[in-house]
């Protein structure tokens, strides 16, 4: 497993196993609700509502996990291409390219701040060191 996936907190193989345990627990609660005739209607409705919210949260968690994995994949792709086309390696980055990268990051971060014009194109008037 790539270390970046570890940042997600779960290996791909772990998610279905956890899901199966959760599904089994949910099935047990549903069965208990069906069997227990002494449970009041309000308690039954509260538990049903909790189960519904739990399913919604599981769906949202799966969606967020997928987005995070796609983001990590995108970052690793751009990082790999950056090193490939800049002619440098992660072990020995060129100082001037690293400065340019940090300047671009600062400029983008400023554009993402509240009140900034986030649709504005980055200033392309500066000549890139990586194209020389």
C-alpha atoms as a PDB file:
ATOM      1  CA  UNK A   1       0.000   0.000   0.000  1.00  0.00           C
ATOM      2  CA  UNK A   2       1.315   3.443  -0.918  1.00  0.00           C
ATOM      3  CA  UNK A   3       1.966   5.679   2.118  1.00  0.00           C
ATOM      4  CA  UNK A   4      -0.459   8.258   0.710  1.00  0.00           C
ATOM      5  CA  UNK A   5      -3.333   5.787   1.033  1.00  0.00           C
ATOM      6  CA  UNK A   6      -2.334   5.258   4.666  1.00  0.00           C
ATOM      7  CA  UNK A   7      -3.094   8.942   5.182  1.00  0.00           C
ATOM      8  CA  UNK A   8      -6.702   8.138   4.331  1.00  0.00           C
ATOM      9  CA  UNK A   9      -6.629   5.902   7.382  1.00  0.00           C
ATOM     10  CA  UNK A  10      -7.682   2.691   5.697  1.00  0.00           C
ATOM     11  CA  UNK A  11      -6.293   0.291   3.165  1.00  0.00           C
ATOM     12  CA  UNK A  12      -8.660  -0.521   0.325  1.00  0.00           C
ATOM     13  CA  UNK A  13      -9.131  -4.049   1.665  1.00  0.00           C
ATOM     14  CA  UNK A  14     -10.144  -2.860   5.120  1.00  0.00           C
ATOM     15  CA  UNK A  15     -13.192  -0.869   4.063  1.00  0.00           C
ATOM     16  CA  UNK A  16     -15.406  -3.815   2.994  1.00  0.00           C
ATOM     17  CA  UNK A  17     -14.569  -5.713   6.198  1.00  0.00           C
ATOM     18  CA  UNK A  18     -15.589  -2.761   8.358  1.00  0.00           C
ATOM     19  CA  UNK A  19     -18.689  -2.297   6.230  1.00  0.00           C
ATOM     20  CA  UNK A  20     -19.696  -5.950   6.759  1.00  0.00           C
ATOM     21  CA  UNK A  21     -19.383  -5.572  10.546  1.00  0.00           C
ATOM     22  CA  UNK A  22     -21.464  -2.397  10.434  1.00  0.00           C
ATOM     23  CA  UNK A  23     -24.095  -4.060   8.224  1.00  0.00           C
ATOM     24  CA  UNK A  24     -24.305  -7.021  10.616  1.00  0.00           C
ATOM     25  CA  UNK A  25     -24.751  -4.713  13.611  1.00  0.00           C
ATOM     26  CA  UNK A  26     -27.441  -2.760  11.781  1.00  0.00           C
ATOM     27  CA  UNK A  27     -29.228  -5.991  10.862  1.00  0.00           C
ATOM     28  CA  UNK A  28     -29.118  -7.071  14.522  1.00  0.00           C
ATOM     29  CA  UNK A  29     -30.706  -3.795  15.638  1.00  0.00           C
ATOM     30  CA  UNK A  30     -33.422  -4.071  12.972  1.00  0.00           C
ATOM     31  CA  UNK A  31     -34.148  -7.662  14.059  1.00  0.00           C
ATOM     32  CA  UNK A  32     -34.293  -6.600  17.709  1.00  0.00           C
ATOM     33  CA  UNK A  33     -36.751  -3.828  16.825  1.00  0.00           C
ATOM     34  CA  UNK A  34     -38.959  -6.308  14.984  1.00  0.00           C
ATOM     35  CA  UNK A  35     -38.922  -8.858  17.835  1.00  0.00           C
ATOM     36  CA  UNK A  36     -39.292  -6.538  20.835  1.00  0.00           C
ATOM     37  CA  UNK A  37     -42.983  -5.844  21.320  1.00  0.00           C
ATOM     38  CA  UNK A  38     -42.415  -3.999  24.613  1.00  0.00           C
ATOM     39  CA  UNK A  39     -40.531  -1.162  22.927  1.00  0.00           C
ATOM     40  CA  UNK A  40     -42.605   2.022  22.771  1.00  0.00           C
ATOM     41  CA  UNK A  41     -43.460   3.583  19.430  1.00  0.00           C
ATOM     42  CA  UNK A  42     -41.412   6.683  20.242  1.00  0.00           C
ATOM     43  CA  UNK A  43     -38.341   4.588  21.145  1.00  0.00           C
ATOM     44  CA  UNK A  44     -38.819   2.516  17.990  1.00  0.00           C
ATOM     45  CA  UNK A  45     -39.068   5.712  15.906  1.00  0.00           C
ATOM     46  CA  UNK A  46     -35.961   7.154  17.585  1.00  0.00           C
ATOM     47  CA  UNK A  47     -33.913   4.029  16.864  1.00  0.00           C
ATOM     48  CA  UNK A  48     -35.195   3.912  13.282  1.00  0.00           C
ATOM     49  CA  UNK A  49     -34.234   7.559  12.857  1.00  0.00           C
ATOM     50  CA  UNK A  50     -30.754   6.834  14.234  1.00  0.00           C
ATOM     51  CA  UNK A  51     -30.361   3.927  11.807  1.00  0.00           C
ATOM     52  CA  UNK A  52     -31.400   6.150   8.907  1.00  0.00           C
ATOM     53  CA  UNK A  53     -28.937   8.859   9.962  1.00  0.00           C
ATOM     54  CA  UNK A  54     -26.229   6.218  10.355  1.00  0.00           C
ATOM     55  CA  UNK A  55     -26.793   5.020   6.778  1.00  0.00           C
ATOM     56  CA  UNK A  56     -26.665   8.606   5.509  1.00  0.00           C
ATOM     57  CA  UNK A  57     -23.406   9.228   7.370  1.00  0.00           C
ATOM     58  CA  UNK A  58     -21.912   6.018   5.990  1.00  0.00           C
ATOM     59  CA  UNK A  59     -22.775   7.182   2.484  1.00  0.00           C
ATOM     60  CA  UNK A  60     -21.234  10.592   3.125  1.00  0.00           C
ATOM     61  CA  UNK A  61     -18.108   8.996   4.574  1.00  0.00           C
ATOM     62  CA  UNK A  62     -17.747   6.790   1.491  1.00  0.00           C
ATOM     63  CA  UNK A  63     -18.186   9.835  -0.756  1.00  0.00           C
ATOM     64  CA  UNK A  64     -15.600  11.832   1.213  1.00  0.00           C
ATOM     65  CA  UNK A  65     -13.171   8.893   1.163  1.00  0.00           C
ATOM     66  CA  UNK A  66     -13.508   8.642  -2.619  1.00  0.00           C
ATOM     67  CA  UNK A  67     -12.925  12.385  -3.016  1.00  0.00           C
ATOM     68  CA  UNK A  68      -9.852  12.219  -0.794  1.00  0.00           C
ATOM     69  CA  UNK A  69      -8.431   9.279  -2.728  1.00  0.00           C
ATOM     70  CA  UNK A  70      -9.002  11.112  -6.017  1.00  0.00           C
ATOM     71  CA  UNK A  71      -7.329  14.209  -4.589  1.00  0.00           C
ATOM     72  CA  UNK A  72      -4.325  12.161  -3.420  1.00  0.00           C
ATOM     73  CA  UNK A  73      -4.110  10.508  -6.841  1.00  0.00           C
ATOM     74  CA  UNK A  74      -4.210  13.912  -8.522  1.00  0.00           C
ATOM     75  CA  UNK A  75      -1.511  15.303  -6.236  1.00  0.00           C
ATOM     76  CA  UNK A  76       0.767  12.309  -6.786  1.00  0.00           C
ATOM     77  CA  UNK A  77       0.204  12.528 -10.549  1.00  0.00           C
ATOM     78  CA  UNK A  78       1.151  16.202 -10.691  1.00  0.00           C
ATOM     79  CA  UNK A  79       4.109  15.651  -8.375  1.00  0.00           C
ATOM     80  CA  UNK A  80       5.404  12.812 -10.552  1.00  0.00           C
ATOM     81  CA  UNK A  81       4.980  14.871 -13.727  1.00  0.00           C
ATOM     82  CA  UNK A  82       6.616  17.863 -12.065  1.00  0.00           C
ATOM     83  CA  UNK A  83       9.727  15.857 -11.212  1.00  0.00           C
ATOM     84  CA  UNK A  84       9.740  14.150 -14.599  1.00  0.00           C
ATOM     85  CA  UNK A  85       9.551  17.349 -16.654  1.00  0.00           C
ATOM     86  CA  UNK A  86      11.597  19.598 -14.377  1.00  0.00           C
ATOM     87  CA  UNK A  87      14.523  17.204 -14.511  1.00  0.00           C
ATOM     88  CA  UNK A  88      14.917  17.067 -10.779  1.00  0.00           C
ATOM     89  CA  UNK A  89      14.375  14.413  -8.172  1.00  0.00           C
ATOM     90  CA  UNK A  90      12.706  14.540  -4.757  1.00  0.00           C
ATOM     91  CA  UNK A  91      16.112  13.832  -3.214  1.00  0.00           C
ATOM     92  CA  UNK A  92      17.854  16.753  -4.973  1.00  0.00           C
ATOM     93  CA  UNK A  93      15.411  19.522  -5.917  1.00  0.00           C
ATOM     94  CA  UNK A  94      16.726  22.596  -7.709  1.00  0.00           C
ATOM     95  CA  UNK A  95      16.564  25.583  -5.397  1.00  0.00           C
ATOM     96  CA  UNK A  96      15.247  28.047  -8.001  1.00  0.00           C
ATOM     97  CA  UNK A  97      12.401  25.701  -8.989  1.00  0.00           C
ATOM     98  CA  UNK A  98      11.471  25.163  -5.367  1.00  0.00           C
ATOM     99  CA  UNK A  99      11.356  28.955  -4.863  1.00  0.00           C
ATOM    100  CA  UNK A 100       9.138  29.302  -7.938  1.00  0.00           C
ATOM    101  CA  UNK A 101       6.871  26.542  -6.652  1.00  0.00           C
ATOM    102  CA  UNK A 102       6.520  28.242  -3.260  1.00  0.00           C
ATOM    103  CA  UNK A 103       5.798  31.607  -4.913  1.00  0.00           C
ATOM    104  CA  UNK A 104       3.028  30.027  -6.999  1.00  0.00           C
ATOM    105  CA  UNK A 105       1.609  28.306  -3.901  1.00  0.00           C
ATOM    106  CA  UNK A 106       1.532  31.628  -2.021  1.00  0.00           C
ATOM    107  CA  UNK A 107      -0.177  33.361  -4.947  1.00  0.00           C
ATOM    108  CA  UNK A 108      -2.814  30.622  -5.230  1.00  0.00           C
ATOM    109  CA  UNK A 109      -3.347  30.565  -1.454  1.00  0.00           C
ATOM    110  CA  UNK A 110      -3.950  34.335  -1.522  1.00  0.00           C
ATOM    111  CA  UNK A 111      -6.486  33.905  -4.329  1.00  0.00           C
ATOM    112  CA  UNK A 112      -8.326  31.313  -2.249  1.00  0.00           C
ATOM    113  CA  UNK A 113      -8.681  33.658   0.734  1.00  0.00           C
ATOM    114  CA  UNK A 114     -12.173  35.019   1.451  1.00  0.00           C
ATOM    115  CA  UNK A 115     -12.880  38.129  -0.572  1.00  0.00           C
ATOM    116  CA  UNK A 116     -10.273  37.324  -3.202  1.00  0.00           C
ATOM    117  CA  UNK A 117     -11.212  36.993  -6.848  1.00  0.00           C
ATOM    118  CA  UNK A 118     -10.915  33.212  -7.038  1.00  0.00           C
ATOM    119  CA  UNK A 119     -11.817  33.157 -10.742  1.00  0.00           C
ATOM    120  CA  UNK A 120      -8.890  35.374 -11.674  1.00  0.00           C
ATOM    121  CA  UNK A 121      -6.220  33.615 -13.688  1.00  0.00           C
ATOM    122  CA  UNK A 122      -2.816  33.410 -12.045  1.00  0.00           C
ATOM    123  CA  UNK A 123      -0.417  36.138 -13.108  1.00  0.00           C
ATOM    124  CA  UNK A 124       1.320  34.691 -16.138  1.00  0.00           C
ATOM    125  CA  UNK A 125       3.503  37.709 -16.797  1.00  0.00           C
ATOM    126  CA  UNK A 126       6.351  36.169 -14.813  1.00  0.00           C
ATOM    127  CA  UNK A 127       8.621  33.898 -16.797  1.00  0.00           C
ATOM    128  CA  UNK A 128       8.764  30.367 -15.464  1.00  0.00           C
ATOM    129  CA  UNK A 129      12.178  29.052 -14.511  1.00  0.00           C
ATOM    130  CA  UNK A 130      11.043  25.546 -15.370  1.00  0.00           C
ATOM    131  CA  UNK A 131      10.574  26.457 -19.038  1.00  0.00           C
ATOM    132  CA  UNK A 132      14.158  27.643 -19.440  1.00  0.00           C
END
